[in-house]
Amino acid sequence: MAEKIVEDERKRQQTRLELVRQLEEAETRDLKERMRLLRGFFSAWYEEVISSWGKVRKAGAVRDWKLLGRAWGAWHRWAVHRRNRREAAAATREMQRNMR
């Protein structure tokens, strides 16, 4: 009778150990699945950040190009105006010399 009780207790302990092992395996599978999902979400988020940085950089390059074009245009207009003034002054001096 005592042997039967000991044997039953041993079986219950083995059953508990098996249930604990199965529970730990299930928790491990669940954790792995959550980590896989988190990796996927992080990867998608990271790609979006990189994509938006690229868009911001492209917009900045276009802005810089437009600004450079405006600056060059302003400089060019100033240089042409200055050249025209010099040429007009030289023509005026030439005409005054010819009138004497």
Protein backbone atom coordinates (compact mmCIF):
# COMPACT_ATOMS: atom_id res chain seq x y z
CA MET A 1 0.00 0.00 0.00
CA ALA A 2 2.80 2.45 0.88
CA GLU A 3 4.55 1.55 -2.36
CA LYS A 4 1.39 2.37 -4.31
CA ILE A 5 1.14 5.77 -2.57
CA VAL A 6 4.82 6.50 -3.31
CA GLU A 7 4.35 5.40 -6.93
CA ASP A 8 1.24 7.59 -7.31
CA GLU A 9 3.07 10.56 -5.81
CA ARG A 10 6.00 9.99 -8.19
CA LYS A 11 3.60 9.91 -11.16
CA ARG A 12 1.95 13.13 -10.00
CA GLN A 13 5.35 14.83 -9.71
CA GLN A 14 6.32 13.63 -13.18
CA THR A 15 3.00 14.89 -14.52
CA ARG A 16 3.59 18.27 -12.84
CA LEU A 17 7.13 18.43 -14.22
CA GLU A 18 5.83 17.58 -17.70
CA LEU A 19 3.15 20.27 -17.43
CA VAL A 20 5.73 22.82 -16.23
CA ARG A 21 8.04 21.87 -19.13
CA GLN A 22 5.17 22.21 -21.62
CA LEU A 23 4.22 25.57 -20.12
CA GLU A 24 7.83 26.80 -20.38
CA GLU A 25 8.00 25.63 -24.00
CA ALA A 26 4.75 27.45 -24.78
CA GLU A 27 6.05 30.61 -23.11
CA THR A 28 9.29 30.33 -25.10
CA ARG A 29 7.36 29.93 -28.37
CA ASP A 30 5.17 32.90 -27.44
CA LEU A 31 8.22 35.04 -26.61
CA LYS A 32 9.91 34.07 -29.90
CA GLU A 33 6.76 34.99 -31.82
CA ARG A 34 6.52 38.35 -30.06
CA MET A 35 10.18 39.06 -30.79
CA ARG A 36 9.64 38.16 -34.46
CA LEU A 37 6.70 40.57 -34.62
CA LEU A 38 8.66 43.31 -32.86
CA ARG A 39 11.55 42.83 -35.30
CA GLY A 40 9.11 43.19 -38.18
CA PHE A 41 7.53 46.32 -36.73
CA PHE A 42 10.94 47.84 -35.99
CA SER A 43 12.15 47.03 -39.48
CA ALA A 44 9.09 48.67 -41.05
CA TRP A 45 9.47 51.72 -38.79
CA TYR A 46 13.18 52.00 -39.59
CA GLU A 47 12.52 51.79 -43.34
CA GLU A 48 9.93 54.57 -43.01
CA VAL A 49 12.38 56.75 -41.08
CA ILE A 50 15.11 56.20 -43.67
CA SER A 51 12.63 56.90 -46.47
CA SER A 52 11.46 60.13 -44.84
CA TRP A 53 15.06 61.21 -44.26
CA GLY A 54 15.69 60.66 -47.96
CA LYS A 55 12.67 62.76 -48.84
CA VAL A 56 13.80 65.52 -46.49
CA ARG A 57 17.29 65.46 -47.99
CA LYS A 58 15.91 65.62 -51.53
CA ALA A 59 13.69 68.54 -50.56
CA GLY A 60 16.69 70.26 -48.99
CA ALA A 61 18.75 69.70 -52.13
CA VAL A 62 15.98 71.18 -54.30
CA ARG A 63 15.70 74.14 -51.93
CA ASP A 64 19.47 74.67 -52.02
CA TRP A 65 19.47 74.41 -55.82
CA LYS A 66 16.71 77.03 -56.11
CA LEU A 67 18.51 79.30 -53.66
CA LEU A 68 21.75 78.90 -55.60
CA GLY A 69 19.89 79.72 -58.84
CA ARG A 70 18.41 82.85 -57.30
CA ALA A 71 21.79 83.93 -55.92
CA TRP A 72 23.50 83.34 -59.27
CA GLY A 73 20.71 85.23 -61.06
CA ALA A 74 21.07 88.17 -58.70
CA TRP A 75 24.84 88.19 -59.13
CA HIS A 76 24.51 87.92 -62.90
CA ARG A 77 22.04 90.82 -63.04
CA TRP A 78 24.36 92.90 -60.84
CA ALA A 79 27.40 92.06 -63.03
CA VAL A 80 25.52 92.89 -66.25
CA HIS A 81 24.23 96.14 -64.74
CA ARG A 82 27.75 97.08 -63.63
CA ARG A 83 29.18 96.25 -67.06
CA ASN A 84 26.46 98.29 -68.76
CA ARG A 85 27.19 101.27 -66.47
CA ARG A 86 30.90 101.03 -67.26
CA GLU A 87 30.20 100.80 -70.98
CA ALA A 88 27.78 103.74 -70.82
CA ALA A 89 30.32 105.82 -68.88
CA ALA A 90 33.04 104.92 -71.39
CA ALA A 91 30.73 105.80 -74.31
CA THR A 92 29.86 109.11 -72.65
CA ARG A 93 33.54 109.95 -72.14
CA GLU A 94 34.27 108.97 -75.74
CA MET A 95 31.48 111.21 -77.02
CA GLN A 96 32.69 114.10 -74.88
CA ARG A 97 36.20 113.66 -76.22
CA ASN A 98 34.88 113.62 -79.78
CA MET A 99 32.82 116.79 -79.19
CA ARG A 100 35.81 118.91 -78.25
